[in-house]
Amino acid sequence: MIRPLSLRAFYRLLGLAALCAAMALSAAPARAAGELTNRLQQRYDATTTLKADFTQVLLHRESGARETRQGTLQFRKPLLVRWETKAPHAELLVVTAAEIWNYLPDEEVAYKYPVELVQDSRSIIKVITGQAKLEQDFDVAEEADDNGMARLHMYPKEPTPQLTEAFLWVDPNTNLIRRAKIIDFYGNENNITLNSLATDAGVQDSAFRFAPPKGVDVEDRTRQGSPEKQLFN
């Protein structure tokens, strides 16, 4: 029997489906956003790897439920990712060049998905690792600074159920993304904050490999298309 993707699975790997942009804003903010997005794009174009600790807060609009998760993120271009949640429950997402692994130790199960699920520019993980094509796939406007951070308000040109609106908080001194808020069709929020962020730091090849531990149930969904629930959510 096919099991649905766990609720903990992809409100993470820190998206990471992409962020959104501006409706009916003045020309001046639009130009400012263009300058910031250009600097942001240039910064990440020159970045090969990054490491960070993350705090993820998931807010369910209808029920008001709130869940806070903490863990670590490791990334290497073009799109190798290790998103490891350590609290409140252990969970591991590994994006390799060939597939995606979602391992739930408490449930003794590992799900295997096609890597194409995260290759869209609007995927959460591409957004938070700076790999999304903001000007191509989003309408973007810069809003007032928030506690010293530049803030981008974004709308995808082609919304998906998982991403209809988003915000990015960017450190103006480093042009690095420090926080993201992704809003889905139902108004649920996926808030990701990156701390201890380091670029072009040493990242081991082993971080992007996964072999299911002995005794773990493996469910291969590489031929089934999209999961019922999005990864990194």
C-alpha atoms as a PDB file:
ATOM      1  CA  MET A   1       0.000   0.000   0.000  1.00  0.00           C
ATOM      2  CA  ILE A   2       1.394   3.392  -1.000  1.00  0.00           C
ATOM      3  CA  ARG A   3       1.942   5.708   1.947  1.00  0.00           C
ATOM      4  CA  PRO A   4       1.507   9.470   1.501  1.00  0.00           C
ATOM      5  CA  LEU A   5       4.504  11.730   1.972  1.00  0.00           C
ATOM      6  CA  SER A   6       4.838  12.616   5.649  1.00  0.00           C
ATOM      7  CA  LEU A   7       3.568  15.959   6.889  1.00  0.00           C
ATOM      8  CA  ARG A   8       7.073  16.724   8.118  1.00  0.00           C
ATOM      9  CA  ALA A   9       8.664  16.030   4.770  1.00  0.00           C
ATOM     10  CA  PHE A  10       8.800  19.064   2.542  1.00  0.00           C
ATOM     11  CA  TYR A  11       7.933  22.101   4.598  1.00  0.00           C
ATOM     12  CA  ARG A  12      11.783  22.005   4.517  1.00  0.00           C
ATOM     13  CA  LEU A  13      14.635  21.584   2.354  1.00  0.00           C
ATOM     14  CA  LEU A  14      14.384  24.947   3.540  1.00  0.00           C
ATOM     15  CA  GLY A  15      12.303  24.965   0.438  1.00  0.00           C
ATOM     16  CA  LEU A  16      12.931  25.572   0.074  1.00  0.00           C
ATOM     17  CA  ALA A  17       9.505  26.055  -4.075  1.00  0.00           C
ATOM     18  CA  ALA A  18      10.203  29.739  -4.812  1.00  0.00           C
ATOM     19  CA  LEU A  19       9.098  33.175  -3.928  1.00  0.00           C
ATOM     20  CA  CYS A  20       6.682  35.788  -5.270  1.00  0.00           C
ATOM     21  CA  ALA A  21       6.273  39.421  -6.484  1.00  0.00           C
ATOM     22  CA  ALA A  22       4.716  42.738  -6.902  1.00  0.00           C
ATOM     23  CA  MET A  23       1.277  43.728  -8.069  1.00  0.00           C
ATOM     24  CA  ALA A  24       0.511  47.430  -8.728  1.00  0.00           C
ATOM     25  CA  LEU A  25       3.526  49.021  -7.116  1.00  0.00           C
ATOM     26  CA  SER A  26       5.233  52.243  -8.161  1.00  0.00           C
ATOM     27  CA  ALA A  27       8.138  52.395 -10.617  1.00  0.00           C
ATOM     28  CA  ALA A  28      10.653  53.448  -7.960  1.00  0.00           C
ATOM     29  CA  PRO A  29      10.190  50.317  -5.781  1.00  0.00           C
ATOM     30  CA  ALA A  30      10.270  48.187  -8.920  1.00  0.00           C
ATOM     31  CA  ARG A  31      13.654  49.645  -9.894  1.00  0.00           C
ATOM     32  CA  ALA A  32      14.949  49.139  -6.360  1.00  0.00           C
ATOM     33  CA  ALA A  33      13.820  45.515  -6.458  1.00  0.00           C
ATOM     34  CA  GLY A  34      15.591  45.094  -9.780  1.00  0.00           C
ATOM     35  CA  GLU A  35      18.841  46.375  -8.315  1.00  0.00           C
ATOM     36  CA  LEU A  36      18.532  44.110  -5.296  1.00  0.00           C
ATOM     37  CA  THR A  37      17.573  41.019  -7.282  1.00  0.00           C
ATOM     38  CA  ASN A  38      20.523  41.636  -9.605  1.00  0.00           C
ATOM     39  CA  ARG A  39      22.921  41.799  -6.658  1.00  0.00           C
ATOM     40  CA  LEU A  40      21.296  38.736  -5.150  1.00  0.00           C
ATOM     41  CA  GLN A  41      21.604  36.801  -8.413  1.00  0.00           C
ATOM     42  CA  GLN A  42      25.244  37.808  -8.859  1.00  0.00           C
ATOM     43  CA  ARG A  43      26.064  36.782  -5.281  1.00  0.00           C
ATOM     44  CA  TYR A  44      24.600  33.324  -5.671  1.00  0.00           C
ATOM     45  CA  ASP A  45      25.992  32.873  -9.183  1.00  0.00           C
ATOM     46  CA  ALA A  46      29.432  33.229  -7.585  1.00  0.00           C
ATOM     47  CA  THR A  47      28.621  30.868  -4.703  1.00  0.00           C
ATOM     48  CA  THR A  48      29.399  27.160  -4.987  1.00  0.00           C
ATOM     49  CA  THR A  49      28.385  25.795  -1.586  1.00  0.00           C
ATOM     50  CA  LEU A  50      26.600  26.931   1.529  1.00  0.00           C
ATOM     51  CA  LYS A  51      25.944  25.629   5.014  1.00  0.00           C
ATOM     52  CA  ALA A  52      23.506  26.899   7.630  1.00  0.00           C
ATOM     53  CA  ASP A  53      21.453  26.042  10.663  1.00  0.00           C
ATOM     54  CA  PHE A  54      17.748  26.503  10.040  1.00  0.00           C
ATOM     55  CA  THR A  55      14.653  27.208  12.071  1.00  0.00           C
ATOM     56  CA  GLN A  56      11.421  26.362  10.285  1.00  0.00           C
ATOM     57  CA  VAL A  57       8.010  27.484  11.514  1.00  0.00           C
ATOM     58  CA  LEU A  58       4.937  26.001   9.844  1.00  0.00           C
ATOM     59  CA  LEU A  59       1.613  27.771  10.337  1.00  0.00           C
ATOM     60  CA  HIS A  60      -1.671  26.118   9.358  1.00  0.00           C
ATOM     61  CA  ARG A  61      -4.171  28.856   8.592  1.00  0.00           C
ATOM     62  CA  GLU A  62      -7.433  26.974   9.173  1.00  0.00           C
ATOM     63  CA  SER A  63      -6.549  25.238  12.445  1.00  0.00           C
ATOM     64  CA  GLY A  64      -4.063  27.788  13.764  1.00  0.00           C
ATOM     65  CA  ALA A  65      -1.608  24.949  14.425  1.00  0.00           C
ATOM     66  CA  ARG A  66       2.038  25.940  14.689  1.00  0.00           C
ATOM     67  CA  GLU A  67       5.079  23.672  14.472  1.00  0.00           C
ATOM     68  CA  THR A  68       8.708  24.696  14.932  1.00  0.00           C
ATOM     69  CA  ARG A  69      11.538  22.596  13.546  1.00  0.00           C
ATOM     70  CA  GLN A  70      15.292  22.978  13.746  1.00  0.00           C
ATOM     71  CA  GLY A  71      18.104  21.429  11.793  1.00  0.00           C
ATOM     72  CA  THR A  72      20.941  21.928   9.324  1.00  0.00           C
ATOM     73  CA  LEU A  73      21.223  22.643   5.611  1.00  0.00           C
ATOM     74  CA  GLN A  74      24.121  21.796   3.294  1.00  0.00           C
ATOM     75  CA  PHE A  75      24.085  22.731  -0.388  1.00  0.00           C
ATOM     76  CA  ARG A  76      26.377  22.355  -3.386  1.00  0.00           C
ATOM     77  CA  LYS A  77      25.770  23.416  -6.970  1.00  0.00           C
ATOM     78  CA  PRO A  78      24.082  22.582  -9.167  1.00  0.00           C
ATOM     79  CA  LEU A  79      21.454  21.180  -6.784  1.00  0.00           C
ATOM     80  CA  LEU A  80      22.842  18.779  -4.198  1.00  0.00           C
ATOM     81  CA  VAL A  81      21.071  19.227  -0.874  1.00  0.00           C
ATOM     82  CA  ARG A  82      21.135  17.746   2.602  1.00  0.00           C
ATOM     83  CA  TRP A  83      18.266  19.034   4.751  1.00  0.00           C
ATOM     84  CA  GLU A  84      18.402  17.403   8.163  1.00  0.00           C
ATOM     85  CA  THR A  85      15.728  18.107  10.748  1.00  0.00           C
ATOM     86  CA  LYS A  86      16.903  17.311  14.271  1.00  0.00           C
ATOM     87  CA  ALA A  87      14.013  18.578  16.401  1.00  0.00           C
ATOM     88  CA  PRO A  88      11.285  17.947  17.338  1.00  0.00           C
ATOM     89  CA  HIS A  89      11.536  14.791  15.192  1.00  0.00           C
ATOM     90  CA  ALA A  90      14.458  13.459  13.198  1.00  0.00           C
ATOM     91  CA  GLU A  91      14.013  13.562   9.434  1.00  0.00           C
ATOM     92  CA  LEU A  92      16.456  13.621   6.531  1.00  0.00           C
ATOM     93  CA  LEU A  93      16.029  14.889   2.982  1.00  0.00           C
ATOM     94  CA  VAL A  94      18.891  14.265   0.562  1.00  0.00           C
ATOM     95  CA  VAL A  95      18.803  15.515  -3.016  1.00  0.00           C
ATOM     96  CA  THR A  96      21.396  13.717  -5.129  1.00  0.00           C
ATOM     97  CA  ALA A  97      22.107  14.090  -8.833  1.00  0.00           C
ATOM     98  CA  ALA A  98      19.792  11.148  -9.542  1.00  0.00           C
ATOM     99  CA  GLU A  99      17.064  11.055  -6.891  1.00  0.00           C
ATOM    100  CA  ILE A 100      15.594  12.440  -3.679  1.00  0.00           C
ATOM    101  CA  TRP A 101      15.583  10.497  -0.424  1.00  0.00           C
ATOM    102  CA  ASN A 102      13.220  11.291   2.454  1.00  0.00           C
ATOM    103  CA  TYR A 103      14.171   9.220   5.511  1.00  0.00           C
ATOM    104  CA  LEU A 104      11.986   9.079   8.634  1.00  0.00           C
ATOM    105  CA  PRO A 105      13.931   7.205  11.338  1.00  0.00           C
ATOM    106  CA  ASP A 106      11.034   7.069  13.824  1.00  0.00           C
ATOM    107  CA  GLU A 107       8.844   5.378  11.221  1.00  0.00           C
ATOM    108  CA  GLU A 108      11.682   3.222   9.861  1.00  0.00           C
ATOM    109  CA  VAL A 109      10.813   4.164   6.299  1.00  0.00           C
ATOM    110  CA  ALA A 110      12.667   5.871   3.439  1.00  0.00           C
ATOM    111  CA  TYR A 111      10.901   7.316   0.402  1.00  0.00           C
ATOM    112  CA  LYS A 112      12.665   7.633  -2.942  1.00  0.00           C
ATOM    113  CA  TYR A 113      11.472  10.320  -5.384  1.00  0.00           C
ATOM    114  CA  PRO A 114      12.534  11.569  -8.825  1.00  0.00           C
ATOM    115  CA  VAL A 115      14.931  14.513  -8.678  1.00  0.00           C
ATOM    116  CA  GLU A 116      12.706  16.429 -11.106  1.00  0.00           C
ATOM    117  CA  LEU A 117      10.440  17.326  -8.169  1.00  0.00           C
ATOM    118  CA  VAL A 118      12.868  20.050  -7.048  1.00  0.00           C
ATOM    119  CA  GLN A 119      14.253  21.221 -10.377  1.00  0.00           C
ATOM    120  CA  ASP A 120      11.537  23.825 -11.017  1.00  0.00           C
ATOM    121  CA  SER A 121      12.801  27.358 -10.336  1.00  0.00           C
ATOM    122  CA  ARG A 122       9.801  27.838  -8.017  1.00  0.00           C
ATOM    123  CA  SER A 123      10.704  24.959  -5.707  1.00  0.00           C
ATOM    124  CA  ILE A 124      11.256  25.925  -2.083  1.00  0.00           C
ATOM    125  CA  ILE A 125      14.798  24.612  -1.969  1.00  0.00           C
ATOM    126  CA  LYS A 126      15.818  26.535  -5.076  1.00  0.00           C
ATOM    127  CA  VAL A 127      14.452  29.718  -3.563  1.00  0.00           C
ATOM    128  CA  ILE A 128      16.221  29.514  -0.215  1.00  0.00           C
ATOM    129  CA  THR A 129      19.528  28.464  -1.780  1.00  0.00           C
ATOM    130  CA  GLY A 130      19.424  31.378  -4.215  1.00  0.00           C
ATOM    131  CA  GLN A 131      19.014  29.199  -7.308  1.00  0.00           C
ATOM    132  CA  ALA A 132      15.556  30.418  -8.344  1.00  0.00           C
ATOM    133  CA  LYS A 133      15.322  32.634 -11.433  1.00  0.00           C
ATOM    134  CA  LEU A 134      13.617  35.545  -9.728  1.00  0.00           C
ATOM    135  CA  GLU A 135      13.284  37.976 -12.617  1.00  0.00           C
ATOM    136  CA  GLN A 136      12.271  35.247 -15.062  1.00  0.00           C
ATOM    137  CA  ASP A 137       9.731  33.386 -12.929  1.00  0.00           C
ATOM    138  CA  PHE A 138       8.500  36.022 -10.458  1.00  0.00           C
ATOM    139  CA  ASP A 139       7.167  39.539 -10.244  1.00  0.00           C
ATOM    140  CA  VAL A 140       9.219  41.179  -7.508  1.00  0.00           C
ATOM    141  CA  ALA A 141       8.958  44.373  -5.478  1.00  0.00           C
ATOM    142  CA  GLU A 142      11.135  45.664  -2.669  1.00  0.00           C
ATOM    143  CA  GLU A 143       9.319  46.669   0.511  1.00  0.00           C
ATOM    144  CA  ALA A 144      10.468  48.737   3.475  1.00  0.00           C
ATOM    145  CA  ASP A 145      13.510  47.400   5.320  1.00  0.00           C
ATOM    146  CA  ASP A 146      12.714  45.064   8.196  1.00  0.00           C
ATOM    147  CA  ASN A 147      15.158  45.136  11.135  1.00  0.00           C
ATOM    148  CA  GLY A 148      18.049  45.998   8.849  1.00  0.00           C
ATOM    149  CA  MET A 149      17.116  43.431   6.227  1.00  0.00           C
ATOM    150  CA  ALA A 150      15.970  44.254   2.702  1.00  0.00           C
ATOM    151  CA  ARG A 151      12.637  42.577   2.014  1.00  0.00           C
ATOM    152  CA  LEU A 152      11.375  41.302  -1.331  1.00  0.00           C
ATOM    153  CA  HIS A 153       7.684  40.606  -1.909  1.00  0.00           C
ATOM    154  CA  MET A 154       7.190  38.126  -4.703  1.00  0.00           C
ATOM    155  CA  TYR A 155       4.433  36.554  -6.790  1.00  0.00           C
ATOM    156  CA  PRO A 156       5.164  33.663  -9.177  1.00  0.00           C
ATOM    157  CA  LYS A 157       4.153  34.400 -12.754  1.00  0.00           C
ATOM    158  CA  GLU A 158       2.702  30.893 -12.851  1.00  0.00           C
ATOM    159  CA  PRO A 159       1.470  30.103  -9.311  1.00  0.00           C
ATOM    160  CA  THR A 160       1.321  26.555  -8.014  1.00  0.00           C
ATOM    161  CA  PRO A 161      -0.839  25.187  -5.174  1.00  0.00           C
ATOM    162  CA  GLN A 162       2.303  25.129  -3.029  1.00  0.00           C
ATOM    163  CA  LEU A 163       3.427  28.675  -3.857  1.00  0.00           C
ATOM    164  CA  THR A 164       1.164  31.650  -4.470  1.00  0.00           C
ATOM    165  CA  GLU A 165       3.074  34.364  -2.615  1.00  0.00           C
ATOM    166  CA  ALA A 166       6.388  34.731  -0.825  1.00  0.00           C
ATOM    167  CA  PHE A 167       8.783  37.056   0.953  1.00  0.00           C
ATOM    168  CA  LEU A 168      12.580  37.047   1.093  1.00  0.00           C
ATOM    169  CA  TRP A 169      14.677  38.859   3.696  1.00  0.00           C
ATOM    170  CA  VAL A 170      18.128  39.693   2.328  1.00  0.00           C
ATOM    171  CA  ASP A 171      21.187  40.922   4.231  1.00  0.00           C
ATOM    172  CA  PRO A 172      22.153  44.114   2.321  1.00  0.00           C
ATOM    173  CA  ASN A 173      25.784  43.755   3.413  1.00  0.00           C
ATOM    174  CA  THR A 174      26.285  40.251   2.034  1.00  0.00           C
ATOM    175  CA  ASN A 175      23.376  39.953  -0.445  1.00  0.00           C
ATOM    176  CA  LEU A 176      22.508  36.589   1.098  1.00  0.00           C
ATOM    177  CA  ILE A 177      19.028  35.292   1.889  1.00  0.00           C
ATOM    178  CA  ARG A 178      18.552  35.019   5.641  1.00  0.00           C
ATOM    179  CA  ARG A 179      14.842  34.328   5.833  1.00  0.00           C
ATOM    180  CA  ALA A 180      11.978  33.217   3.575  1.00  0.00           C
ATOM    181  CA  LYS A 181       8.217  32.967   3.952  1.00  0.00           C
ATOM    182  CA  ILE A 182       6.304  30.798   1.490  1.00  0.00           C
ATOM    183  CA  ILE A 183       2.503  30.990   1.332  1.00  0.00           C
ATOM    184  CA  ASP A 184       0.468  28.279  -0.379  1.00  0.00           C
ATOM    185  CA  PHE A 185      -2.974  28.325  -2.014  1.00  0.00           C
ATOM    186  CA  TYR A 186      -4.695  27.726   1.335  1.00  0.00           C
ATOM    187  CA  GLY A 187      -2.849  30.498   3.139  1.00  0.00           C
ATOM    188  CA  ASN A 188      -0.571  28.145   5.078  1.00  0.00           C
ATOM    189  CA  GLU A 189       2.882  29.557   5.809  1.00  0.00           C
ATOM    190  CA  ASN A 190       6.325  27.964   5.641  1.00  0.00           C
ATOM    191  CA  ASN A 191       8.794  30.279   7.416  1.00  0.00           C
ATOM    192  CA  ILE A 192      12.501  29.464   7.183  1.00  0.00           C
ATOM    193  CA  THR A 193      15.301  31.361   8.934  1.00  0.00           C
ATOM    194  CA  LEU A 194      18.948  30.601   8.162  1.00  0.00           C
ATOM    195  CA  ASN A 195      21.520  31.130  10.919  1.00  0.00           C
ATOM    196  CA  SER A 196      25.302  30.625  11.006  1.00  0.00           C
ATOM    197  CA  LEU A 197      25.218  30.909   7.214  1.00  0.00           C
ATOM    198  CA  ALA A 198      28.556  30.180   5.524  1.00  0.00           C
ATOM    199  CA  THR A 199      29.222  30.233   1.780  1.00  0.00           C
ATOM    200  CA  ASP A 200      31.907  28.324  -0.107  1.00  0.00           C
ATOM    201  CA  ALA A 201      32.604  26.363   3.050  1.00  0.00           C
ATOM    202  CA  GLY A 202      33.845  22.798   3.049  1.00  0.00           C
ATOM    203  CA  VAL A 203      31.026  20.364   2.309  1.00  0.00           C
ATOM    204  CA  GLN A 204      31.798  16.645   2.223  1.00  0.00           C
ATOM    205  CA  ASP A 205      30.716  14.499  -0.733  1.00  0.00           C
ATOM    206  CA  SER A 206      29.236  12.044   1.752  1.00  0.00           C
ATOM    207  CA  ALA A 207      26.654  14.644   2.792  1.00  0.00           C
ATOM    208  CA  PHE A 208      24.856  14.060  -0.497  1.00  0.00           C
ATOM    209  CA  ARG A 209      24.786  10.280  -0.385  1.00  0.00           C
ATOM    210  CA  PHE A 210      22.192   8.096   1.295  1.00  0.00           C
ATOM    211  CA  ALA A 211      21.909   4.355   1.791  1.00  0.00           C
ATOM    212  CA  PRO A 212      18.830   3.097   3.656  1.00  0.00           C
ATOM    213  CA  PRO A 213      19.836   1.500   6.969  1.00  0.00           C
ATOM    214  CA  LYS A 214      19.288  -2.212   7.371  1.00  0.00           C
ATOM    215  CA  GLY A 215      15.704  -3.057   8.254  1.00  0.00           C
ATOM    216  CA  VAL A 216      14.256   0.195   6.908  1.00  0.00           C
ATOM    217  CA  ASP A 217      11.256  -0.072   4.583  1.00  0.00           C
ATOM    218  CA  VAL A 218      12.025   1.566   1.203  1.00  0.00           C
ATOM    219  CA  GLU A 219       9.167   2.924  -0.907  1.00  0.00           C
ATOM    220  CA  ASP A 220      10.260   3.733  -4.461  1.00  0.00           C
ATOM    221  CA  ARG A 221       8.097   6.478  -5.951  1.00  0.00           C
ATOM    222  CA  THR A 222      10.376   7.527  -8.759  1.00  0.00           C
ATOM    223  CA  ARG A 223       7.761   6.591 -11.374  1.00  0.00           C
ATOM    224  CA  GLN A 224       4.688   7.955  -9.657  1.00  0.00           C
ATOM    225  CA  GLY A 225       5.034  11.678 -10.357  1.00  0.00           C
ATOM    226  CA  SER A 226       4.404  14.281  -7.687  1.00  0.00           C
ATOM    227  CA  PRO A 227       3.913  13.197  -4.065  1.00  0.00           C
ATOM    228  CA  GLU A 228       0.632  13.996  -2.332  1.00  0.00           C
ATOM    229  CA  LYS A 229       2.440  16.459  -0.068  1.00  0.00           C
ATOM    230  CA  GLN A 230       5.285  18.647  -1.183  1.00  0.00           C
ATOM    231  CA  LEU A 231       8.835  18.023  -0.100  1.00  0.00           C
ATOM    232  CA  PHE A 232      10.387  20.531   2.314  1.00  0.00           C
ATOM    233  CA  ASN A 233       6.876  21.247   3.646  1.00  0.00           C
END
